[in-house]
Amino acid sequence: MTTTITVEGMSCGHCEQTVEEALQDVSGVADVTVDRESEQASVDGEVDVTALVEAVEDAGYTAHA
């Protein structure tokens, strides 16, 4: 299953990488694609949306489903 969340505050490739790494650490995540221009992160796997949002916020960005 693919889940897409909105991530605000990314301004560069390093930001994308930070968000991607934070999401990959969430249990159940199989694959992550992050695009700062569209402010979207797509996550494949069996995951809890709340856990994804919390991981992004813990990394210093604003996120919502």
PDB file of N, CA and C in Angstrom:
ATOM      1  N   MET A   1       0.840  -1.177   0.000  1.00  0.00           N
ATOM      2  CA  MET A   1       0.000   0.000   0.000  1.00  0.00           C
ATOM      3  C   MET A   1       0.889   1.246   0.000  1.00  0.00           C
ATOM      4  N   THR A   2       0.515   2.239  -0.781  1.00  0.00           N
ATOM      5  CA  THR A   2       1.263   3.491  -0.839  1.00  0.00           C
ATOM      6  C   THR A   2       0.511   4.570  -0.070  1.00  0.00           C
ATOM      7  N   THR A   3       1.228   5.241   0.808  1.00  0.00           N
ATOM      8  CA  THR A   3       0.680   6.340   1.589  1.00  0.00           C
ATOM      9  C   THR A   3       1.435   7.603   1.212  1.00  0.00           C
ATOM     10  N   THR A   4       0.713   8.688   0.963  1.00  0.00           N
ATOM     11  CA  THR A   4       1.350   9.959   0.621  1.00  0.00           C
ATOM     12  C   THR A   4       1.048  10.978   1.708  1.00  0.00           C
ATOM     13  N   ILE A   5       2.097  11.653   2.162  1.00  0.00           N
ATOM     14  CA  ILE A   5       1.924  12.722   3.142  1.00  0.00           C
ATOM     15  C   ILE A   5       2.541  13.996   2.584  1.00  0.00           C
ATOM     16  N   THR A   6       2.082  15.125   3.093  1.00  0.00           N
ATOM     17  CA  THR A   6       2.627  16.428   2.726  1.00  0.00           C
ATOM     18  C   THR A   6       3.704  16.794   3.737  1.00  0.00           C
ATOM     19  N   VAL A   7       4.852  17.237   3.229  1.00  0.00           N
ATOM     20  CA  VAL A   7       5.970  17.636   4.083  1.00  0.00           C
ATOM     21  C   VAL A   7       6.337  19.068   3.731  1.00  0.00           C
ATOM     22  N   GLU A   8       6.230  19.947   4.702  1.00  0.00           N
ATOM     23  CA  GLU A   8       6.545  21.361   4.487  1.00  0.00           C
ATOM     24  C   GLU A   8       7.896  21.702   5.098  1.00  0.00           C
ATOM     25  N   GLY A   9       8.611  22.609   4.442  1.00  0.00           N
ATOM     26  CA  GLY A   9       9.862  23.111   4.993  1.00  0.00           C
ATOM     27  C   GLY A   9      11.115  22.571   4.333  1.00  0.00           C
ATOM     28  N   MET A  10      10.977  21.702   3.332  1.00  0.00           N
ATOM     29  CA  MET A  10      12.156  21.187   2.630  1.00  0.00           C
ATOM     30  C   MET A  10      12.609  22.216   1.596  1.00  0.00           C
ATOM     31  N   SER A  11      13.910  22.519   1.582  1.00  0.00           N
ATOM     32  CA  SER A  11      14.404  23.529   0.648  1.00  0.00           C
ATOM     33  C   SER A  11      15.557  23.049  -0.225  1.00  0.00           C
ATOM     34  N   CYS A  12      16.075  21.846   0.037  1.00  0.00           N
ATOM     35  CA  CYS A  12      17.231  21.376  -0.725  1.00  0.00           C
ATOM     36  C   CYS A  12      17.280  19.854  -0.733  1.00  0.00           C
ATOM     37  N   GLY A  13      18.245  19.325  -1.453  1.00  0.00           N
ATOM     38  CA  GLY A  13      18.407  17.882  -1.530  1.00  0.00           C
ATOM     39  C   GLY A  13      18.713  17.251  -0.189  1.00  0.00           C
ATOM     40  N   HIS A  14      19.451  17.967   0.651  1.00  0.00           N
ATOM     41  CA  HIS A  14      19.749  17.442   1.986  1.00  0.00           C
ATOM     42  C   HIS A  14      18.470  17.289   2.798  1.00  0.00           C
ATOM     43  N   CYS A  15      17.558  18.236   2.654  1.00  0.00           N
ATOM     44  CA  CYS A  15      16.260  18.143   3.340  1.00  0.00           C
ATOM     45  C   CYS A  15      15.516  16.886   2.890  1.00  0.00           C
ATOM     46  N   GLU A  16      15.495  16.651   1.584  1.00  0.00           N
ATOM     47  CA  GLU A  16      14.840  15.450   1.058  1.00  0.00           C
ATOM     48  C   GLU A  16      15.457  14.192   1.658  1.00  0.00           C
ATOM     49  N   GLN A  17      16.776  14.164   1.719  1.00  0.00           N
ATOM     50  CA  GLN A  17      17.478  13.002   2.251  1.00  0.00           C
ATOM     51  C   GLN A  17      17.156  12.801   3.732  1.00  0.00           C
ATOM     52  N   THR A  18      17.106  13.878   4.494  1.00  0.00           N
ATOM     53  CA  THR A  18      16.792  13.791   5.914  1.00  0.00           C
ATOM     54  C   THR A  18      15.400  13.216   6.125  1.00  0.00           C
ATOM     55  N   VAL A  19      14.431  13.704   5.357  1.00  0.00           N
ATOM     56  CA  VAL A  19      13.056  13.208   5.468  1.00  0.00           C
ATOM     57  C   VAL A  19      12.990  11.747   5.033  1.00  0.00           C
ATOM     58  N   GLU A  20      13.665  11.420   3.945  1.00  0.00           N
ATOM     59  CA  GLU A  20      13.664  10.033   3.453  1.00  0.00           C
ATOM     60  C   GLU A  20      14.225   9.084   4.511  1.00  0.00           C
ATOM     61  N   GLU A  21      15.340   9.455   5.118  1.00  0.00           N
ATOM     62  CA  GLU A  21      15.952   8.606   6.142  1.00  0.00           C
ATOM     63  C   GLU A  21      15.042   8.462   7.356  1.00  0.00           C
ATOM     64  N   ALA A  22      14.388   9.544   7.753  1.00  0.00           N
ATOM     65  CA  ALA A  22      13.477   9.480   8.896  1.00  0.00           C
ATOM     66  C   ALA A  22      12.321   8.529   8.616  1.00  0.00           C
ATOM     67  N   LEU A  23      11.786   8.590   7.404  1.00  0.00           N
ATOM     68  CA  LEU A  23      10.661   7.725   7.049  1.00  0.00           C
ATOM     69  C   LEU A  23      11.088   6.270   6.907  1.00  0.00           C
ATOM     70  N   GLN A  24      12.288   6.027   6.402  1.00  0.00           N
ATOM     71  CA  GLN A  24      12.769   4.657   6.247  1.00  0.00           C
ATOM     72  C   GLN A  24      12.937   3.959   7.589  1.00  0.00           C
ATOM     73  N   ASP A  25      13.119   4.731   8.649  1.00  0.00           N
ATOM     74  CA  ASP A  25      13.287   4.151   9.981  1.00  0.00           C
ATOM     75  C   ASP A  25      11.968   3.723  10.617  1.00  0.00           C
ATOM     76  N   VAL A  26      10.836   4.088  10.013  1.00  0.00           N
ATOM     77  CA  VAL A  26       9.526   3.723  10.561  1.00  0.00           C
ATOM     78  C   VAL A  26       9.251   2.250  10.250  1.00  0.00           C
ATOM     79  N   SER A  27       8.786   1.538  11.241  1.00  0.00           N
ATOM     80  CA  SER A  27       8.485   0.115  11.085  1.00  0.00           C
ATOM     81  C   SER A  27       7.446  -0.113   9.990  1.00  0.00           C
ATOM     82  N   GLY A  28       7.724  -1.072   9.104  1.00  0.00           N
ATOM     83  CA  GLY A  28       6.788  -1.428   8.046  1.00  0.00           C
ATOM     84  C   GLY A  28       7.039  -0.746   6.721  1.00  0.00           C
ATOM     85  N   VAL A  29       7.969   0.209   6.680  1.00  0.00           N
ATOM     86  CA  VAL A  29       8.253   0.942   5.444  1.00  0.00           C
ATOM     87  C   VAL A  29       9.119   0.084   4.525  1.00  0.00           C
ATOM     88  N   ALA A  30       8.676  -0.062   3.267  1.00  0.00           N
ATOM     89  CA  ALA A  30       9.428  -0.827   2.272  1.00  0.00           C
ATOM     90  C   ALA A  30      10.213   0.086   1.334  1.00  0.00           C
ATOM     91  N   ASP A  31       9.637   1.243   0.980  1.00  0.00           N
ATOM     92  CA  ASP A  31      10.288   2.162   0.045  1.00  0.00           C
ATOM     93  C   ASP A  31       9.758   3.570   0.278  1.00  0.00           C
ATOM     94  N   VAL A  32      10.605   4.569   0.023  1.00  0.00           N
ATOM     95  CA  VAL A  32      10.231   5.972   0.232  1.00  0.00           C
ATOM     96  C   VAL A  32      10.679   6.803  -0.963  1.00  0.00           C
ATOM     97  N   THR A  33       9.810   7.705  -1.414  1.00  0.00           N
ATOM     98  CA  THR A  33      10.159   8.691  -2.432  1.00  0.00           C
ATOM     99  C   THR A  33       9.756  10.058  -1.898  1.00  0.00           C
ATOM    100  N   VAL A  34      10.700  10.999  -1.887  1.00  0.00           N
ATOM    101  CA  VAL A  34      10.445  12.339  -1.363  1.00  0.00           C
ATOM    102  C   VAL A  34      10.717  13.358  -2.465  1.00  0.00           C
ATOM    103  N   ASP A  35       9.808  14.324  -2.632  1.00  0.00           N
ATOM    104  CA  ASP A  35       9.963  15.380  -3.637  1.00  0.00           C
ATOM    105  C   ASP A  35       9.704  16.732  -2.979  1.00  0.00           C
ATOM    106  N   ARG A  36      10.764  17.514  -2.808  1.00  0.00           N
ATOM    107  CA  ARG A  36      10.616  18.804  -2.118  1.00  0.00           C
ATOM    108  C   ARG A  36       9.788  19.794  -2.920  1.00  0.00           C
ATOM    109  N   GLU A  37       9.836  19.716  -4.252  1.00  0.00           N
ATOM    110  CA  GLU A  37       9.097  20.671  -5.076  1.00  0.00           C
ATOM    111  C   GLU A  37       7.590  20.507  -4.924  1.00  0.00           C
ATOM    112  N   SER A  38       7.126  19.274  -4.834  1.00  0.00           N
ATOM    113  CA  SER A  38       5.689  19.030  -4.652  1.00  0.00           C
ATOM    114  C   SER A  38       5.316  18.933  -3.176  1.00  0.00           C
ATOM    115  N   GLU A  39       6.324  18.960  -2.306  1.00  0.00           N
ATOM    116  CA  GLU A  39       6.136  18.817  -0.857  1.00  0.00           C
ATOM    117  C   GLU A  39       5.433  17.503  -0.507  1.00  0.00           C
ATOM    118  N   GLN A  40       5.775  16.431  -1.234  1.00  0.00           N
ATOM    119  CA  GLN A  40       5.137  15.137  -1.024  1.00  0.00           C
ATOM    120  C   GLN A  40       6.173  14.065  -0.695  1.00  0.00           C
ATOM    121  N   ALA A  41       5.750  13.150   0.170  1.00  0.00           N
ATOM    122  CA  ALA A  41       6.524  11.944   0.439  1.00  0.00           C
ATOM    123  C   ALA A  41       5.590  10.766   0.240  1.00  0.00           C
ATOM    124  N   SER A  42       6.003   9.834  -0.606  1.00  0.00           N
ATOM    125  CA  SER A  42       5.222   8.624  -0.856  1.00  0.00           C
ATOM    126  C   SER A  42       5.938   7.459  -0.196  1.00  0.00           C
ATOM    127  N   VAL A  43       5.178   6.701   0.592  1.00  0.00           N
ATOM    128  CA  VAL A  43       5.750   5.606   1.364  1.00  0.00           C
ATOM    129  C   VAL A  43       5.031   4.319   1.000  1.00  0.00           C
ATOM    130  N   ASP A  44       5.799   3.311   0.585  1.00  0.00           N
ATOM    131  CA  ASP A  44       5.242   1.991   0.306  1.00  0.00           C
ATOM    132  C   ASP A  44       5.445   1.105   1.525  1.00  0.00           C
ATOM    133  N   GLY A  45       4.414   0.346   1.859  1.00  0.00           N
ATOM    134  CA  GLY A  45       4.508  -0.586   2.973  1.00  0.00           C
ATOM    135  C   GLY A  45       3.266  -0.529   3.839  1.00  0.00           C
ATOM    136  N   GLU A  46       3.264  -1.370   4.845  1.00  0.00           N
ATOM    137  CA  GLU A  46       2.169  -1.403   5.814  1.00  0.00           C
ATOM    138  C   GLU A  46       2.574  -0.514   6.984  1.00  0.00           C
ATOM    139  N   VAL A  47       2.095   0.719   6.959  1.00  0.00           N
ATOM    140  CA  VAL A  47       2.544   1.700   7.946  1.00  0.00           C
ATOM    141  C   VAL A  47       1.368   2.455   8.556  1.00  0.00           C
ATOM    142  N   ASP A  48       1.628   3.014   9.723  1.00  0.00           N
ATOM    143  CA  ASP A  48       0.667   3.870  10.408  1.00  0.00           C
ATOM    144  C   ASP A  48       0.979   5.318  10.018  1.00  0.00           C
ATOM    145  N   VAL A  49      -0.002   6.016   9.478  1.00  0.00           N
ATOM    146  CA  VAL A  49       0.208   7.394   9.021  1.00  0.00           C
ATOM    147  C   VAL A  49       0.699   8.280  10.161  1.00  0.00           C
ATOM    148  N   THR A  50       0.175   8.081  11.345  1.00  0.00           N
ATOM    149  CA  THR A  50       0.594   8.884  12.496  1.00  0.00           C
ATOM    150  C   THR A  50       2.088   8.713  12.752  1.00  0.00           C
ATOM    151  N   ALA A  51       2.594   7.498  12.612  1.00  0.00           N
ATOM    152  CA  ALA A  51       4.022   7.243  12.819  1.00  0.00           C
ATOM    153  C   ALA A  51       4.860   7.962  11.767  1.00  0.00           C
ATOM    154  N   LEU A  52       4.359   8.026  10.534  1.00  0.00           N
ATOM    155  CA  LEU A  52       5.079   8.736   9.471  1.00  0.00           C
ATOM    156  C   LEU A  52       5.161  10.225   9.778  1.00  0.00           C
ATOM    157  N   VAL A  53       4.031  10.805  10.154  1.00  0.00           N
ATOM    158  CA  VAL A  53       3.988  12.235  10.475  1.00  0.00           C
ATOM    159  C   VAL A  53       4.918  12.538  11.646  1.00  0.00           C
ATOM    160  N   GLU A  54       4.882  11.708  12.679  1.00  0.00           N
ATOM    161  CA  GLU A  54       5.741  11.924  13.844  1.00  0.00           C
ATOM    162  C   GLU A  54       7.218  11.836  13.471  1.00  0.00           C
ATOM    163  N   ALA A  55       7.577  10.894  12.604  1.00  0.00           N
ATOM    164  CA  ALA A  55       8.975  10.748  12.186  1.00  0.00           C
ATOM    165  C   ALA A  55       9.465  11.993  11.454  1.00  0.00           C
ATOM    166  N   VAL A  56       8.628  12.528  10.577  1.00  0.00           N
ATOM    167  CA  VAL A  56       8.998  13.736   9.835  1.00  0.00           C
ATOM    168  C   VAL A  56       9.108  14.926  10.785  1.00  0.00           C
ATOM    169  N   GLU A  57       8.166  15.052  11.701  1.00  0.00           N
ATOM    170  CA  GLU A  57       8.207  16.163  12.652  1.00  0.00           C
ATOM    171  C   GLU A  57       9.414  16.051  13.578  1.00  0.00           C
ATOM    172  N   ASP A  58       9.773  14.824  13.977  1.00  0.00           N
ATOM    173  CA  ASP A  58      10.965  14.629  14.802  1.00  0.00           C
ATOM    174  C   ASP A  58      12.234  15.027  14.052  1.00  0.00           C
ATOM    175  N   ALA A  59      12.190  14.952  12.715  1.00  0.00           N
ATOM    176  CA  ALA A  59      13.334  15.347  11.889  1.00  0.00           C
ATOM    177  C   ALA A  59      13.384  16.861  11.663  1.00  0.00           C
ATOM    178  N   GLY A  60      12.353  17.581  12.135  1.00  0.00           N
ATOM    179  CA  GLY A  60      12.380  19.038  12.060  1.00  0.00           C
ATOM    180  C   GLY A  60      11.516  19.672  10.988  1.00  0.00           C
ATOM    181  N   TYR A  61      10.607  18.906  10.410  1.00  0.00           N
ATOM    182  CA  TYR A  61       9.741  19.415   9.346  1.00  0.00           C
ATOM    183  C   TYR A  61       8.279  19.298   9.758  1.00  0.00           C
ATOM    184  N   THR A  62       7.422  20.013   9.065  1.00  0.00           N
ATOM    185  CA  THR A  62       5.985  19.946   9.307  1.00  0.00           C
ATOM    186  C   THR A  62       5.388  18.943   8.337  1.00  0.00           C
ATOM    187  N   ALA A  63       4.527  18.060   8.849  1.00  0.00           N
ATOM    188  CA  ALA A  63       3.929  17.037   7.990  1.00  0.00           C
ATOM    189  C   ALA A  63       2.475  16.822   8.356  1.00  0.00           C
ATOM    190  N   HIS A  64       1.690  16.432   7.342  1.00  0.00           N
ATOM    191  CA  HIS A  64       0.304  16.027   7.575  1.00  0.00           C
ATOM    192  C   HIS A  64      -0.149  15.122   6.445  1.00  0.00           C
ATOM    193  N   ALA A  65      -1.134  14.293   6.776  1.00  0.00           N
ATOM    194  CA  ALA A  65      -1.641  13.319   5.799  1.00  0.00           C
ATOM    195  C   ALA A  65      -2.679  13.959   4.913  1.00  0.00           C
TER     196      ALA A  65
END
